[in-house]
């Protein structure tokens, strides 16, 4: 049986002797809807960088313990390997969108990973987030909530097994946040493992199956 994502006695600090995460062990089983919560400074965002190999490969620091994704250690493979397994959506979409059209935005990641059937994958991903009609729009002309869904579509285009979202509702109004969670629930029902860093208790109570609380 696939163990999913496993953290085994993981500690991390950006500077020596100032741990952000300390001796953390937990498991995210495939098919779950998992939330990570905690106060500011508890290491939530840092944890997300460990979920696809950004730590230790691109973000440097002092890393102890072991993180495995589908039984493969994140130390053993490059970030590009895990990008097809774990889709990561950052909190602010304006830091992620830089192409002239939505179509080009989704195609960028697919081309970098040498994927085939690019147009088909773009169409499917936009349908999943209810944004196909914006295929040829400039991402910067969209609302904040729409941009967030485009970033989610960029992750979905690679068809990852796991989706990680870092506080996706932090800058959304309530209707947009509810719609986003409805989309995530549908994706979860289709077999995606959903991992959300979230501070709104309403959404944690309503949608999450398991919650990890980090402490400062």
Protein backbone atom coordinates (compact mmCIF):
# COMPACT_ATOMS: atom_id res chain seq x y z
CA UNK A 1 0.00 0.00 0.00
CA UNK A 2 1.27 3.48 -0.91
CA UNK A 3 2.15 5.31 2.34
CA UNK A 4 1.69 8.75 0.73
CA UNK A 5 3.75 11.57 2.25
CA UNK A 6 5.67 10.71 5.41
CA UNK A 7 7.66 13.06 7.66
CA UNK A 8 10.04 11.21 9.98
CA UNK A 9 11.59 13.25 12.82
CA UNK A 10 12.00 16.31 10.61
CA UNK A 11 13.68 19.46 11.89
CA UNK A 12 14.59 22.53 9.87
CA UNK A 13 16.15 25.93 10.51
CA UNK A 14 17.16 28.70 8.13
CA UNK A 15 19.94 29.74 10.50
CA UNK A 16 21.80 27.46 12.87
CA UNK A 17 20.24 26.76 16.27
CA UNK A 18 16.97 28.57 15.45
CA UNK A 19 14.60 25.75 14.44
CA UNK A 20 11.44 26.58 12.52
CA UNK A 21 10.28 22.95 12.64
CA UNK A 22 11.44 20.56 15.32
CA UNK A 23 11.22 16.76 15.42
CA UNK A 24 8.07 16.61 13.30
CA UNK A 25 6.57 13.22 12.36
CA UNK A 26 3.27 12.63 10.56
CA UNK A 27 1.72 10.92 7.54
CA UNK A 28 -0.58 12.19 4.78
CA UNK A 29 -2.35 9.19 3.30
CA UNK A 30 -3.33 9.20 -0.39
CA UNK A 31 -6.84 10.42 -1.09
CA UNK A 32 -7.19 12.53 2.03
CA UNK A 33 -8.16 16.16 2.59
CA UNK A 34 -5.53 17.43 5.01
CA UNK A 35 -5.17 20.87 6.60
CA UNK A 36 -2.17 22.43 8.30
CA UNK A 37 -2.83 25.20 10.78
CA UNK A 38 -0.95 27.17 13.41
CA UNK A 39 0.02 30.65 14.50
CA UNK A 40 2.23 32.96 12.44
CA UNK A 41 5.82 31.83 12.65
CA UNK A 42 4.98 28.20 13.41
CA UNK A 43 6.55 26.96 10.16
CA UNK A 44 3.50 26.31 7.99
CA UNK A 45 4.95 27.73 4.77
CA UNK A 46 8.31 26.11 5.48
CA UNK A 47 6.55 22.76 5.74
CA UNK A 48 4.94 23.24 2.32
CA UNK A 49 8.39 23.80 0.77
CA UNK A 50 9.34 20.34 2.03
CA UNK A 51 6.37 18.71 0.33
CA UNK A 52 7.86 18.91 -3.17
CA UNK A 53 11.59 19.08 -2.58
CA UNK A 54 12.09 22.87 -2.63
CA UNK A 55 13.70 22.12 0.71
CA UNK A 56 16.44 20.89 0.58
CA UNK A 57 17.24 21.45 -3.12
CA UNK A 58 16.45 25.14 -3.72
CA UNK A 59 15.84 26.60 -0.27
CA UNK A 60 18.89 26.10 1.88
CA UNK A 61 19.09 25.62 5.62
CA UNK A 62 19.74 22.99 8.26
CA UNK A 63 17.58 19.95 7.48
CA UNK A 64 17.41 16.83 9.64
CA UNK A 65 15.17 13.80 9.36
CA UNK A 66 13.47 12.38 6.30
CA UNK A 67 10.58 13.30 4.01
CA UNK A 68 9.32 10.67 1.58
CA UNK A 69 6.72 11.01 -1.16
CA UNK A 70 5.37 7.68 -2.38
CA UNK A 71 8.33 6.04 -0.57
CA UNK A 72 10.90 8.22 -2.40
CA UNK A 73 13.08 10.52 -0.30
CA UNK A 74 12.99 14.18 -1.31
CA UNK A 75 16.77 14.20 -0.93
CA UNK A 76 17.19 11.59 -3.68
CA UNK A 77 15.42 13.25 -6.62
CA UNK A 78 15.39 16.81 -8.07
CA UNK A 79 12.47 19.23 -7.70
CA UNK A 80 11.47 18.57 -11.32
CA UNK A 81 10.78 14.93 -10.42
CA UNK A 82 8.40 15.87 -7.62
CA UNK A 83 6.70 18.65 -9.63
CA UNK A 84 4.75 15.99 -11.50
CA UNK A 85 3.71 14.39 -8.21
CA UNK A 86 3.03 17.42 -6.00
CA UNK A 87 1.43 20.61 -7.29
CA UNK A 88 2.19 23.67 -5.12
CA UNK A 89 0.00 26.80 -5.16
CA UNK A 90 1.42 29.82 -3.33
CA UNK A 91 -0.63 32.32 -1.34
CA UNK A 92 -0.24 35.31 -3.69
CA UNK A 93 -0.89 34.48 -7.37
CA UNK A 94 0.68 37.74 -8.52
CA UNK A 95 4.08 36.24 -7.68
CA UNK A 96 3.41 33.27 -9.97
CA UNK A 97 1.74 34.69 -13.09
CA UNK A 98 3.98 36.31 -15.71
CA UNK A 99 2.81 35.17 -19.17
CA UNK A 100 0.63 37.21 -21.53
CA UNK A 101 -2.27 34.75 -21.72
CA UNK A 102 -3.81 32.12 -19.46
CA UNK A 103 -3.03 29.50 -22.11
CA UNK A 104 0.66 30.46 -22.16
CA UNK A 105 0.72 30.39 -18.36
CA UNK A 106 -0.41 26.77 -18.22
CA UNK A 107 1.73 25.75 -21.19
CA UNK A 108 4.88 27.09 -19.53
CA UNK A 109 5.12 24.38 -16.88
CA UNK A 110 4.09 21.63 -19.28
CA UNK A 111 6.77 22.58 -21.80
CA UNK A 112 9.45 22.82 -19.12
CA UNK A 113 8.71 19.24 -18.08
CA UNK A 114 8.52 18.10 -21.73
CA UNK A 115 4.88 17.01 -21.52
CA UNK A 116 2.88 15.96 -24.58
CA UNK A 117 -0.79 16.68 -25.47
CA UNK A 118 -0.33 20.17 -24.07
CA UNK A 119 -3.54 21.72 -25.46
CA UNK A 120 -5.63 18.85 -24.15
CA UNK A 121 -4.09 19.11 -20.68
CA UNK A 122 -4.62 22.87 -20.58
CA UNK A 123 -8.29 22.49 -21.51
CA UNK A 124 -8.84 19.80 -18.90
CA UNK A 125 -7.18 21.80 -16.12
CA UNK A 126 -9.16 24.96 -16.88
CA UNK A 127 -12.39 22.97 -16.96
CA UNK A 128 -11.58 21.57 -13.53
CA UNK A 129 -11.34 25.08 -12.05
CA UNK A 130 -14.27 26.47 -14.10
CA UNK A 131 -12.05 28.90 -16.05
CA UNK A 132 -11.98 27.57 -19.63
CA UNK A 133 -13.67 30.71 -20.99
CA UNK A 134 -10.60 32.73 -19.90
CA UNK A 135 -8.16 30.70 -22.03
CA UNK A 136 -6.93 33.68 -24.08
CA UNK A 137 -7.21 36.37 -21.42
CA UNK A 138 -4.31 38.24 -19.87
CA UNK A 139 -3.96 36.83 -16.33
CA UNK A 140 -3.34 40.32 -14.98
CA UNK A 141 -6.80 41.42 -16.17
CA UNK A 142 -8.50 38.85 -13.91
CA UNK A 143 -9.76 39.24 -10.36
CA UNK A 144 -7.65 37.99 -7.48
CA UNK A 145 -9.86 34.94 -7.01
CA UNK A 146 -9.67 34.13 -10.72
CA UNK A 147 -5.89 34.42 -10.63
CA UNK A 148 -5.82 31.98 -7.73
CA UNK A 149 -7.81 29.48 -9.78
CA UNK A 150 -5.43 29.93 -12.73
CA UNK A 151 -2.51 29.06 -10.43
CA UNK A 152 -4.43 25.99 -9.31
CA UNK A 153 -5.00 25.08 -12.97
CA UNK A 154 -1.25 25.42 -13.63
CA UNK A 155 -0.65 22.82 -10.95
CA UNK A 156 -3.47 20.58 -12.19
CA UNK A 157 -2.18 20.64 -15.78
CA UNK A 158 0.70 18.39 -14.67
CA UNK A 159 -1.85 15.93 -13.20
CA UNK A 160 -0.18 15.59 -9.79
CA UNK A 161 -1.43 13.13 -7.19
CA UNK A 162 -1.05 15.73 -4.43
CA UNK A 163 -2.14 19.38 -4.39
CA UNK A 164 -0.63 21.73 -1.80
CA UNK A 165 -2.11 25.20 -1.28
CA UNK A 166 -0.51 27.74 1.07
CA UNK A 167 -3.29 29.81 2.69
CA UNK A 168 -5.30 30.08 -0.55
CA UNK A 169 -8.21 31.95 1.09
CA UNK A 170 -6.10 34.57 2.90
CA UNK A 171 -6.78 37.28 0.31
CA UNK A 172 -10.15 36.07 -1.03
CA UNK A 173 -13.63 37.31 -0.21
CA UNK A 174 -15.95 34.74 1.33
CA UNK A 175 -17.84 33.71 -1.87
CA UNK A 176 -14.55 33.20 -3.74
CA UNK A 177 -13.14 31.18 -0.84
CA UNK A 178 -16.23 28.96 -0.73
CA UNK A 179 -16.03 28.37 -4.50
CA UNK A 180 -12.35 27.45 -4.21
CA UNK A 181 -13.12 24.88 -1.53
CA UNK A 182 -15.95 23.46 -3.63
CA UNK A 183 -13.44 22.94 -6.46
CA UNK A 184 -10.95 21.33 -4.06
CA UNK A 185 -13.66 19.01 -2.74
CA UNK A 186 -14.51 17.90 -6.28
CA UNK A 187 -10.83 17.26 -7.00
CA UNK A 188 -10.56 15.26 -3.78
CA UNK A 189 -13.57 13.17 -4.80
CA UNK A 190 -11.79 12.50 -8.10
CA UNK A 191 -8.84 11.04 -6.21
CA UNK A 192 -6.51 13.99 -5.61
CA UNK A 193 -4.90 14.28 -2.19
CA UNK A 194 -5.53 17.84 -0.97
CA UNK A 195 -3.20 19.57 1.51
CA UNK A 196 -4.16 23.11 2.55
CA UNK A 197 -2.46 25.53 4.91
CA UNK A 198 -5.49 27.26 6.40
CA UNK A 199 -6.30 29.61 9.28
CA UNK A 200 -10.06 29.95 8.78
CA UNK A 201 -11.65 27.51 11.22
CA UNK A 202 -14.89 27.52 9.21
CA UNK A 203 -13.20 25.81 6.26
CA UNK A 204 -11.17 23.45 8.43
CA UNK A 205 -14.32 22.24 10.20
CA UNK A 206 -16.34 21.88 7.01
CA UNK A 207 -13.86 20.36 4.56
CA UNK A 208 -10.86 18.85 6.32
CA UNK A 209 -10.61 15.15 7.16
CA UNK A 210 -7.37 15.49 9.15
CA UNK A 211 -5.63 18.52 10.65
CA UNK A 212 -2.04 19.08 11.77
CA UNK A 213 -1.55 22.01 14.17
CA UNK A 214 1.95 23.49 14.36
CA UNK A 215 3.12 25.35 17.46
CA UNK A 216 5.67 28.15 17.70
